Amino acid sequence: MHNSICNNRNFLFIFVLRMCNRNYVVQYILELGLPWASAEVIARLEGNYAHLAMQKFGSNVIEKCLNVATEENKVCIIKELIGSTVLSQLLQDPYANYVVQSALQVTQVCTFSRDLLLYFYMAKLPEQYP
């Protein structure tokens, strides 16, 4: 029963992010600078980063997550993006492309994640600009 309730809460949380005005509430929570609140938001989005990145409102929240996340959480978000089955779509999508660029900007400390993300990003450029 408890797992069912948690899954329903996560579903509702993701649903709210997809709505144009409600994502501002989540961004506001992230901007409060409360580590426990940011960690909760980041944890609830786990498994949904790639798909949210390709949505206008979801991408804004993902970018905000990358800006407030701890290095450990940044690595987790980036690994999820890199490991996504829709990685090539992420690199070509107008909203997700900004998320990828944000990920490159905020991963100064974690060079492995940054280098790996940059590799995938640069590998996609020749296809886009022949």
C-alpha atoms as a PDB file:
ATOM      1  CA  MET A   1       0.000   0.000   0.000  1.00  0.00           C
ATOM      2  CA  HIS A   2       2.809   2.450   0.929  1.00  0.00           C
ATOM      3  CA  ASN A   3       4.579   1.939  -2.444  1.00  0.00           C
ATOM      4  CA  SER A   4       1.314   2.648  -4.227  1.00  0.00           C
ATOM      5  CA  ILE A   5       0.900   5.919  -2.350  1.00  0.00           C
ATOM      6  CA  CYS A   6       4.509   6.960  -3.101  1.00  0.00           C
ATOM      7  CA  ASN A   7       4.094   6.127  -6.792  1.00  0.00           C
ATOM      8  CA  ASN A   8       0.877   8.161  -6.921  1.00  0.00           C
ATOM      9  CA  ARG A   9       2.627  11.137  -5.289  1.00  0.00           C
ATOM     10  CA  ASN A  10       5.456  10.963  -7.822  1.00  0.00           C
ATOM     11  CA  PHE A  11       2.928  10.735 -10.659  1.00  0.00           C
ATOM     12  CA  LEU A  12       1.116  13.818  -9.384  1.00  0.00           C
ATOM     13  CA  PHE A  13       4.416  15.652  -8.941  1.00  0.00           C
ATOM     14  CA  ILE A  14       5.438  14.938 -12.556  1.00  0.00           C
ATOM     15  CA  PHE A  15       1.942  15.865 -13.751  1.00  0.00           C
ATOM     16  CA  VAL A  16       2.197  19.252 -12.021  1.00  0.00           C
ATOM     17  CA  LEU A  17       5.544  19.923 -13.715  1.00  0.00           C
ATOM     18  CA  ARG A  18       4.009  19.454 -17.132  1.00  0.00           C
ATOM     19  CA  MET A  19       1.451  22.179 -16.515  1.00  0.00           C
ATOM     20  CA  CYS A  20       2.502  25.641 -17.607  1.00  0.00           C
ATOM     21  CA  ASN A  21       1.870  27.624 -14.422  1.00  0.00           C
ATOM     22  CA  ARG A  22       2.426  24.954 -11.803  1.00  0.00           C
ATOM     23  CA  ASN A  23       6.088  24.386 -12.667  1.00  0.00           C
ATOM     24  CA  TYR A  24       6.813  27.807 -11.181  1.00  0.00           C
ATOM     25  CA  VAL A  25       5.856  26.435  -7.776  1.00  0.00           C
ATOM     26  CA  VAL A  26       8.520  23.736  -8.118  1.00  0.00           C
ATOM     27  CA  GLN A  27      11.065  26.297  -9.334  1.00  0.00           C
ATOM     28  CA  TYR A  28      10.216  28.501  -6.347  1.00  0.00           C
ATOM     29  CA  ILE A  29      10.828  25.580  -3.984  1.00  0.00           C
ATOM     30  CA  LEU A  30      14.235  25.035  -5.599  1.00  0.00           C
ATOM     31  CA  GLU A  31      15.060  28.752  -5.318  1.00  0.00           C
ATOM     32  CA  LEU A  32      14.354  28.766  -1.579  1.00  0.00           C
ATOM     33  CA  GLY A  33      17.826  27.334  -1.054  1.00  0.00           C
ATOM     34  CA  LEU A  34      16.675  24.671   1.380  1.00  0.00           C
ATOM     35  CA  PRO A  35      18.926  21.651   0.776  1.00  0.00           C
ATOM     36  CA  TRP A  36      16.336  19.163   2.047  1.00  0.00           C
ATOM     37  CA  ALA A  37      13.608  20.615  -0.219  1.00  0.00           C
ATOM     38  CA  SER A  38      15.876  20.627  -3.274  1.00  0.00           C
ATOM     39  CA  ALA A  39      16.940  17.044  -2.544  1.00  0.00           C
ATOM     40  CA  GLU A  40      13.285  15.995  -2.313  1.00  0.00           C
ATOM     41  CA  VAL A  41      12.421  17.604  -5.663  1.00  0.00           C
ATOM     42  CA  ILE A  42      15.482  16.076  -7.325  1.00  0.00           C
ATOM     43  CA  ALA A  43      14.649  12.640  -5.906  1.00  0.00           C
ATOM     44  CA  ARG A  44      11.038  12.797  -7.113  1.00  0.00           C
ATOM     45  CA  LEU A  45      12.156  13.645 -10.643  1.00  0.00           C
ATOM     46  CA  GLU A  46      14.510  10.686 -10.836  1.00  0.00           C
ATOM     47  CA  GLY A  47      13.729   8.539 -13.851  1.00  0.00           C
ATOM     48  CA  ASN A  48      11.933  11.407 -15.613  1.00  0.00           C
ATOM     49  CA  TYR A  49      14.729  13.845 -16.433  1.00  0.00           C
ATOM     50  CA  ALA A  50      15.073  12.979 -20.127  1.00  0.00           C
ATOM     51  CA  HIS A  51      11.378  13.196 -20.908  1.00  0.00           C
ATOM     52  CA  LEU A  52      10.862  16.364 -18.868  1.00  0.00           C
ATOM     53  CA  ALA A  53      13.876  17.965 -20.552  1.00  0.00           C
ATOM     54  CA  MET A  54      12.055  17.798 -23.890  1.00  0.00           C
ATOM     55  CA  GLN A  55       9.080  19.773 -22.571  1.00  0.00           C
ATOM     56  CA  LYS A  56       8.949  23.541 -22.397  1.00  0.00           C
ATOM     57  CA  PHE A  57       8.055  23.780 -18.724  1.00  0.00           C
ATOM     58  CA  GLY A  58       9.833  20.649 -17.534  1.00  0.00           C
ATOM     59  CA  SER A  59      13.108  21.788 -19.076  1.00  0.00           C
ATOM     60  CA  ASN A  60      13.052  24.966 -16.963  1.00  0.00           C
ATOM     61  CA  VAL A  61      12.731  22.887 -13.817  1.00  0.00           C
ATOM     62  CA  ILE A  62      15.549  20.526 -14.868  1.00  0.00           C
ATOM     63  CA  GLU A  63      17.831  23.495 -15.505  1.00  0.00           C
ATOM     64  CA  LYS A  64      16.974  24.874 -12.066  1.00  0.00           C
ATOM     65  CA  CYS A  65      17.694  21.443 -10.530  1.00  0.00           C
ATOM     66  CA  LEU A  66      21.117  21.428 -12.148  1.00  0.00           C
ATOM     67  CA  ASN A  67      21.843  24.876 -10.702  1.00  0.00           C
ATOM     68  CA  VAL A  68      20.943  23.992  -7.119  1.00  0.00           C
ATOM     69  CA  ALA A  69      21.946  20.321  -6.977  1.00  0.00           C
ATOM     70  CA  THR A  70      24.915  18.992  -5.057  1.00  0.00           C
ATOM     71  CA  GLU A  71      27.751  17.631  -7.187  1.00  0.00           C
ATOM     72  CA  GLU A  72      26.563  14.110  -6.415  1.00  0.00           C
ATOM     73  CA  ASN A  73      23.040  14.924  -7.621  1.00  0.00           C
ATOM     74  CA  LYS A  74      24.366  16.694 -10.717  1.00  0.00           C
ATOM     75  CA  VAL A  75      26.281  13.543 -11.623  1.00  0.00           C
ATOM     76  CA  CYS A  76      23.121  11.449 -11.165  1.00  0.00           C
ATOM     77  CA  ILE A  77      21.052  13.779 -13.364  1.00  0.00           C
ATOM     78  CA  ILE A  78      23.713  13.835 -16.077  1.00  0.00           C
ATOM     79  CA  LYS A  79      24.150  10.064 -15.980  1.00  0.00           C
ATOM     80  CA  GLU A  80      20.409   9.691 -16.427  1.00  0.00           C
ATOM     81  CA  LEU A  81      20.458  12.048 -19.416  1.00  0.00           C
ATOM     82  CA  ILE A  82      23.462  10.308 -20.997  1.00  0.00           C
ATOM     83  CA  GLY A  83      22.032   6.850 -20.358  1.00  0.00           C
ATOM     84  CA  SER A  84      18.668   7.776 -21.793  1.00  0.00           C
ATOM     85  CA  THR A  85      17.303   5.834 -24.749  1.00  0.00           C
ATOM     86  CA  VAL A  86      16.322   9.194 -26.249  1.00  0.00           C
ATOM     87  CA  LEU A  87      19.760  10.815 -25.999  1.00  0.00           C
ATOM     88  CA  SER A  88      19.903  11.658 -29.704  1.00  0.00           C
ATOM     89  CA  GLN A  89      16.495  13.330 -29.390  1.00  0.00           C
ATOM     90  CA  LEU A  90      17.714  15.283 -26.370  1.00  0.00           C
ATOM     91  CA  LEU A  91      20.581  16.721 -28.370  1.00  0.00           C
ATOM     92  CA  GLN A  92      18.266  17.826 -31.183  1.00  0.00           C
ATOM     93  CA  ASP A  93      15.296  18.999 -29.145  1.00  0.00           C
ATOM     94  CA  PRO A  94      15.130  22.791 -28.692  1.00  0.00           C
ATOM     95  CA  TYR A  95      14.237  22.589 -24.988  1.00  0.00           C
ATOM     96  CA  ALA A  96      16.441  19.638 -24.055  1.00  0.00           C
ATOM     97  CA  ASN A  97      19.370  21.211 -25.871  1.00  0.00           C
ATOM     98  CA  TYR A  98      19.308  24.025 -23.287  1.00  0.00           C
ATOM     99  CA  VAL A  99      19.260  21.426 -20.523  1.00  0.00           C
ATOM    100  CA  VAL A 100      22.345  19.764 -22.007  1.00  0.00           C
ATOM    101  CA  GLN A 101      24.096  23.140 -22.295  1.00  0.00           C
ATOM    102  CA  SER A 102      23.199  23.907 -18.676  1.00  0.00           C
ATOM    103  CA  ALA A 103      24.574  20.534 -17.629  1.00  0.00           C
ATOM    104  CA  LEU A 104      27.848  21.367 -19.381  1.00  0.00           C
ATOM    105  CA  GLN A 105      28.041  24.716 -17.575  1.00  0.00           C
ATOM    106  CA  VAL A 106      27.374  23.424 -14.068  1.00  0.00           C
ATOM    107  CA  THR A 107      29.643  20.380 -14.162  1.00  0.00           C
ATOM    108  CA  GLN A 108      32.943  22.179 -13.795  1.00  0.00           C
ATOM    109  CA  VAL A 109      34.014  20.058 -10.836  1.00  0.00           C
ATOM    110  CA  CYS A 110      32.928  16.672 -12.096  1.00  0.00           C
ATOM    111  CA  THR A 111      35.113  16.480 -15.193  1.00  0.00           C
ATOM    112  CA  PHE A 112      34.216  12.892 -16.079  1.00  0.00           C
ATOM    113  CA  SER A 113      30.495  13.663 -16.387  1.00  0.00           C
ATOM    114  CA  ARG A 114      31.261  16.884 -18.225  1.00  0.00           C
ATOM    115  CA  ASP A 115      33.652  15.195 -20.654  1.00  0.00           C
ATOM    116  CA  LEU A 116      31.219  12.371 -21.326  1.00  0.00           C
ATOM    117  CA  LEU A 117      28.341  14.760 -21.944  1.00  0.00           C
ATOM    118  CA  LEU A 118      30.534  16.947 -24.157  1.00  0.00           C
ATOM    119  CA  TYR A 119      31.588  13.867 -26.156  1.00  0.00           C
ATOM    120  CA  PHE A 120      27.975  12.975 -26.927  1.00  0.00           C
ATOM    121  CA  TYR A 121      27.101  16.587 -27.667  1.00  0.00           C
ATOM    122  CA  MET A 122      30.021  17.087 -30.071  1.00  0.00           C
ATOM    123  CA  ALA A 123      29.409  13.726 -31.754  1.00  0.00           C
ATOM    124  CA  LYS A 124      25.913  14.920 -32.645  1.00  0.00           C
ATOM    125  CA  LEU A 125      26.985  18.252 -34.145  1.00  0.00           C
ATOM    126  CA  PRO A 126      28.263  16.902 -37.512  1.00  0.00           C
ATOM    127  CA  GLU A 127      24.845  15.330 -38.135  1.00  0.00           C
ATOM    128  CA  GLN A 128      23.097  18.612 -37.490  1.00  0.00           C
ATOM    129  CA  TYR A 129      25.484  20.762 -39.526  1.00  0.00           C
ATOM    130  CA  PRO A 130      26.784  18.816 -42.542  1.00  0.00           C
END
